[in-house]
Amino acid sequence: MRLHRGPLPSAEQMEKYERISPGAFDRIFNMAAERQQFDHEEKMSTIAASQNRVDKTYRNAMVAMPMAFMLCFSLIVAGVYLIITGHSLAGTLFGTPAFIAVLRYFLGPVKLSKNKDRPPVNNQDNNK
């Protein structure tokens, strides 16, 4: 007994198919070629869809970042103007959140962990 792997039958099996049904080799070969073409097109369409999503996300980010910066900058300018004109509370309320947002953007995300200095709890001691 021989073991054969692949999309097409072995040569011996193909000869048997041809004897039983003339033209079987061509039909089997064409079917394998069509399957390979289908698989290739399916992979290419999946790759194209993924690339489309990445492009769309990138474009959205490139539009959103300048707009967010302009909004924060406008709020900071409005806050400074209000403080200069004697409305310090309103100026602080306008400018401070925008300033903090810009500062956090440039400093990057800050990771805060709870109970940083506490040692881990040993659950076995609690059961006694």
C-alpha atoms as a PDB file:
ATOM      1  CA  MET A   1       0.000   0.000   0.000  1.00  0.00           C
ATOM      2  CA  ARG A   2       1.329   3.410  -0.957  1.00  0.00           C
ATOM      3  CA  LEU A   3       0.603   6.685   0.776  1.00  0.00           C
ATOM      4  CA  HIS A   4       0.029   9.718  -1.428  1.00  0.00           C
ATOM      5  CA  ARG A   5      -0.713  13.290  -0.419  1.00  0.00           C
ATOM      6  CA  GLY A   6      -1.606  16.238  -2.603  1.00  0.00           C
ATOM      7  CA  PRO A   7      -4.394  17.846  -4.540  1.00  0.00           C
ATOM      8  CA  LEU A   8      -4.084  15.355  -7.411  1.00  0.00           C
ATOM      9  CA  PRO A   9      -4.171  11.556  -7.287  1.00  0.00           C
ATOM     10  CA  SER A  10      -0.985   9.590  -7.924  1.00  0.00           C
ATOM     11  CA  ALA A  11      -0.007   8.696 -11.473  1.00  0.00           C
ATOM     12  CA  GLU A  12      -1.145   5.073 -11.044  1.00  0.00           C
ATOM     13  CA  GLN A  13      -4.554   6.178  -9.789  1.00  0.00           C
ATOM     14  CA  MET A  14      -4.888   8.702 -12.624  1.00  0.00           C
ATOM     15  CA  GLU A  15      -4.251   5.940 -15.176  1.00  0.00           C
ATOM     16  CA  LYS A  16      -7.008   3.859 -13.582  1.00  0.00           C
ATOM     17  CA  TYR A  17      -9.413   6.826 -13.639  1.00  0.00           C
ATOM     18  CA  GLU A  18      -8.605   7.434 -17.329  1.00  0.00           C
ATOM     19  CA  ARG A  19      -9.315   3.793 -18.194  1.00  0.00           C
ATOM     20  CA  ILE A  20     -12.652   3.904 -16.386  1.00  0.00           C
ATOM     21  CA  SER A  21     -13.688   7.376 -17.548  1.00  0.00           C
ATOM     22  CA  PRO A  22     -11.823   8.939 -20.487  1.00  0.00           C
ATOM     23  CA  GLY A  23     -11.070  12.637 -19.836  1.00  0.00           C
ATOM     24  CA  ALA A  24     -11.075  12.157 -16.049  1.00  0.00           C
ATOM     25  CA  PHE A  25      -7.510  13.438 -15.776  1.00  0.00           C
ATOM     26  CA  ASP A  26      -8.400  16.743 -17.444  1.00  0.00           C
ATOM     27  CA  ARG A  27     -11.492  17.190 -15.259  1.00  0.00           C
ATOM     28  CA  ILE A  28      -9.587  16.400 -12.043  1.00  0.00           C
ATOM     29  CA  PHE A  29      -6.680  18.641 -13.044  1.00  0.00           C
ATOM     30  CA  ASN A  30      -9.002  21.541 -13.933  1.00  0.00           C
ATOM     31  CA  MET A  31     -10.909  21.091 -10.672  1.00  0.00           C
ATOM     32  CA  ALA A  32      -7.638  21.272  -8.686  1.00  0.00           C
ATOM     33  CA  ALA A  33      -6.537  24.376 -10.630  1.00  0.00           C
ATOM     34  CA  GLU A  34      -9.915  26.072 -10.025  1.00  0.00           C
ATOM     35  CA  ARG A  35      -9.697  25.281  -6.320  1.00  0.00           C
ATOM     36  CA  GLN A  36      -6.203  26.757  -6.127  1.00  0.00           C
ATOM     37  CA  GLN A  37      -7.384  29.892  -7.959  1.00  0.00           C
ATOM     38  CA  PHE A  38     -10.357  30.239  -5.592  1.00  0.00           C
ATOM     39  CA  ASP A  39      -8.124  29.874  -2.514  1.00  0.00           C
ATOM     40  CA  HIS A  40      -5.721  32.471  -3.886  1.00  0.00           C
ATOM     41  CA  GLU A  41      -8.507  34.969  -4.644  1.00  0.00           C
ATOM     42  CA  GLU A  42     -10.016  34.410  -1.193  1.00  0.00           C
ATOM     43  CA  LYS A  43      -6.688  35.138   0.511  1.00  0.00           C
ATOM     44  CA  MET A  44      -6.112  38.225  -1.624  1.00  0.00           C
ATOM     45  CA  SER A  45      -9.566  39.630  -0.835  1.00  0.00           C
ATOM     46  CA  THR A  46      -8.996  39.053   2.893  1.00  0.00           C
ATOM     47  CA  ILE A  47      -5.649  40.855   2.702  1.00  0.00           C
ATOM     48  CA  ALA A  48      -7.214  43.742   0.760  1.00  0.00           C
ATOM     49  CA  ALA A  49     -10.032  44.078   3.318  1.00  0.00           C
ATOM     50  CA  SER A  50      -7.518  44.130   6.187  1.00  0.00           C
ATOM     51  CA  GLN A  51      -5.424  46.754   4.425  1.00  0.00           C
ATOM     52  CA  ASN A  52      -8.568  48.838   3.842  1.00  0.00           C
ATOM     53  CA  ARG A  53      -9.379  48.786   7.575  1.00  0.00           C
ATOM     54  CA  VAL A  54      -5.820  49.779   8.475  1.00  0.00           C
ATOM     55  CA  ASP A  55      -5.842  52.623   5.929  1.00  0.00           C
ATOM     56  CA  LYS A  56      -9.194  53.905   7.173  1.00  0.00           C
ATOM     57  CA  THR A  57      -8.055  53.825  10.804  1.00  0.00           C
ATOM     58  CA  TYR A  58      -4.856  55.674   9.911  1.00  0.00           C
ATOM     59  CA  ARG A  59      -6.744  58.351   7.951  1.00  0.00           C
ATOM     60  CA  ASN A  60      -9.198  58.853  10.816  1.00  0.00           C
ATOM     61  CA  ALA A  61      -6.327  59.262  13.270  1.00  0.00           C
ATOM     62  CA  MET A  62      -4.552  61.736  11.000  1.00  0.00           C
ATOM     63  CA  VAL A  63      -7.700  63.899  10.891  1.00  0.00           C
ATOM     64  CA  ALA A  64      -8.644  63.512  14.559  1.00  0.00           C
ATOM     65  CA  MET A  65      -5.252  64.384  16.073  1.00  0.00           C
ATOM     66  CA  PRO A  66      -4.899  67.876  14.543  1.00  0.00           C
ATOM     67  CA  MET A  67      -8.530  68.649  15.306  1.00  0.00           C
ATOM     68  CA  ALA A  68      -8.121  67.598  18.940  1.00  0.00           C
ATOM     69  CA  PHE A  69      -4.948  69.646  19.205  1.00  0.00           C
ATOM     70  CA  MET A  70      -6.679  72.733  17.764  1.00  0.00           C
ATOM     71  CA  LEU A  71      -9.574  72.304  20.188  1.00  0.00           C
ATOM     72  CA  CYS A  72      -7.245  71.991  23.188  1.00  0.00           C
ATOM     73  CA  PHE A  73      -5.148  74.912  22.005  1.00  0.00           C
ATOM     74  CA  SER A  74      -8.294  77.056  21.575  1.00  0.00           C
ATOM     75  CA  LEU A  75      -9.456  76.182  25.084  1.00  0.00           C
ATOM     76  CA  ILE A  76      -6.047  77.036  26.522  1.00  0.00           C
ATOM     77  CA  VAL A  77      -6.046  80.402  24.693  1.00  0.00           C
ATOM     78  CA  ALA A  78      -9.600  81.076  25.888  1.00  0.00           C
ATOM     79  CA  GLY A  79      -8.581  80.194  29.439  1.00  0.00           C
ATOM     80  CA  VAL A  80      -5.569  82.507  29.349  1.00  0.00           C
ATOM     81  CA  TYR A  81      -7.710  85.297  27.900  1.00  0.00           C
ATOM     82  CA  LEU A  82     -10.319  84.850  30.625  1.00  0.00           C
ATOM     83  CA  ILE A  83      -7.648  84.897  33.344  1.00  0.00           C
ATOM     84  CA  ILE A  84      -6.070  88.066  31.873  1.00  0.00           C
ATOM     85  CA  THR A  85      -9.462  89.819  31.725  1.00  0.00           C
ATOM     86  CA  GLY A  86     -10.131  89.081  35.381  1.00  0.00           C
ATOM     87  CA  HIS A  87     -12.271  85.934  35.160  1.00  0.00           C
ATOM     88  CA  SER A  88      -9.764  83.650  36.841  1.00  0.00           C
ATOM     89  CA  LEU A  89     -12.233  80.915  37.836  1.00  0.00           C
ATOM     90  CA  ALA A  90     -13.729  80.622  34.346  1.00  0.00           C
ATOM     91  CA  GLY A  91     -10.252  80.800  32.787  1.00  0.00           C
ATOM     92  CA  THR A  92      -8.992  78.054  35.044  1.00  0.00           C
ATOM     93  CA  LEU A  93     -12.012  75.875  34.261  1.00  0.00           C
ATOM     94  CA  PHE A  94     -11.488  76.339  30.517  1.00  0.00           C
ATOM     95  CA  GLY A  95      -7.716  76.090  30.316  1.00  0.00           C
ATOM     96  CA  THR A  96      -6.703  73.515  32.901  1.00  0.00           C
ATOM     97  CA  PRO A  97      -8.423  70.412  31.427  1.00  0.00           C
ATOM     98  CA  ALA A  98      -7.130  71.255  27.954  1.00  0.00           C
ATOM     99  CA  PHE A  99      -3.610  71.827  29.288  1.00  0.00           C
ATOM    100  CA  ILE A 100      -3.709  68.508  31.142  1.00  0.00           C
ATOM    101  CA  ALA A 101      -4.946  66.709  28.003  1.00  0.00           C
ATOM    102  CA  VAL A 102      -2.072  68.110  25.915  1.00  0.00           C
ATOM    103  CA  LEU A 103       0.414  67.346  28.677  1.00  0.00           C
ATOM    104  CA  ARG A 104      -0.806  63.732  28.996  1.00  0.00           C
ATOM    105  CA  TYR A 105      -0.573  63.291  25.232  1.00  0.00           C
ATOM    106  CA  PHE A 106       3.066  64.395  25.168  1.00  0.00           C
ATOM    107  CA  LEU A 107       4.030  62.490  28.311  1.00  0.00           C
ATOM    108  CA  GLY A 108       2.333  59.311  27.146  1.00  0.00           C
ATOM    109  CA  PRO A 109       0.037  56.999  29.066  1.00  0.00           C
ATOM    110  CA  VAL A 110       0.636  56.841  32.788  1.00  0.00           C
ATOM    111  CA  LYS A 111       0.139  53.437  34.400  1.00  0.00           C
ATOM    112  CA  LEU A 112      -1.136  53.631  37.937  1.00  0.00           C
ATOM    113  CA  SER A 113      -1.094  50.420  39.921  1.00  0.00           C
ATOM    114  CA  LYS A 114      -3.067  50.042  43.119  1.00  0.00           C
ATOM    115  CA  ASN A 115      -1.257  49.011  46.277  1.00  0.00           C
ATOM    116  CA  LYS A 116       2.145  49.271  44.653  1.00  0.00           C
ATOM    117  CA  ASP A 117       4.065  49.055  47.925  1.00  0.00           C
ATOM    118  CA  ARG A 118       1.995  46.312  49.571  1.00  0.00           C
ATOM    119  CA  PRO A 119       3.358  42.762  49.571  1.00  0.00           C
ATOM    120  CA  PRO A 120       1.191  40.035  48.027  1.00  0.00           C
ATOM    121  CA  VAL A 121      -1.392  38.463  50.320  1.00  0.00           C
ATOM    122  CA  ASN A 122      -0.806  34.857  51.306  1.00  0.00           C
ATOM    123  CA  ASN A 123      -4.220  33.146  51.111  1.00  0.00           C
ATOM    124  CA  GLN A 124      -3.080  30.153  53.158  1.00  0.00           C
ATOM    125  CA  ASP A 125      -2.702  32.304  56.283  1.00  0.00           C
ATOM    126  CA  ASN A 126      -6.298  33.534  55.971  1.00  0.00           C
ATOM    127  CA  ASN A 127      -7.717  29.995  56.077  1.00  0.00           C
ATOM    128  CA  LYS A 128      -6.318  29.181  59.530  1.00  0.00           C
END
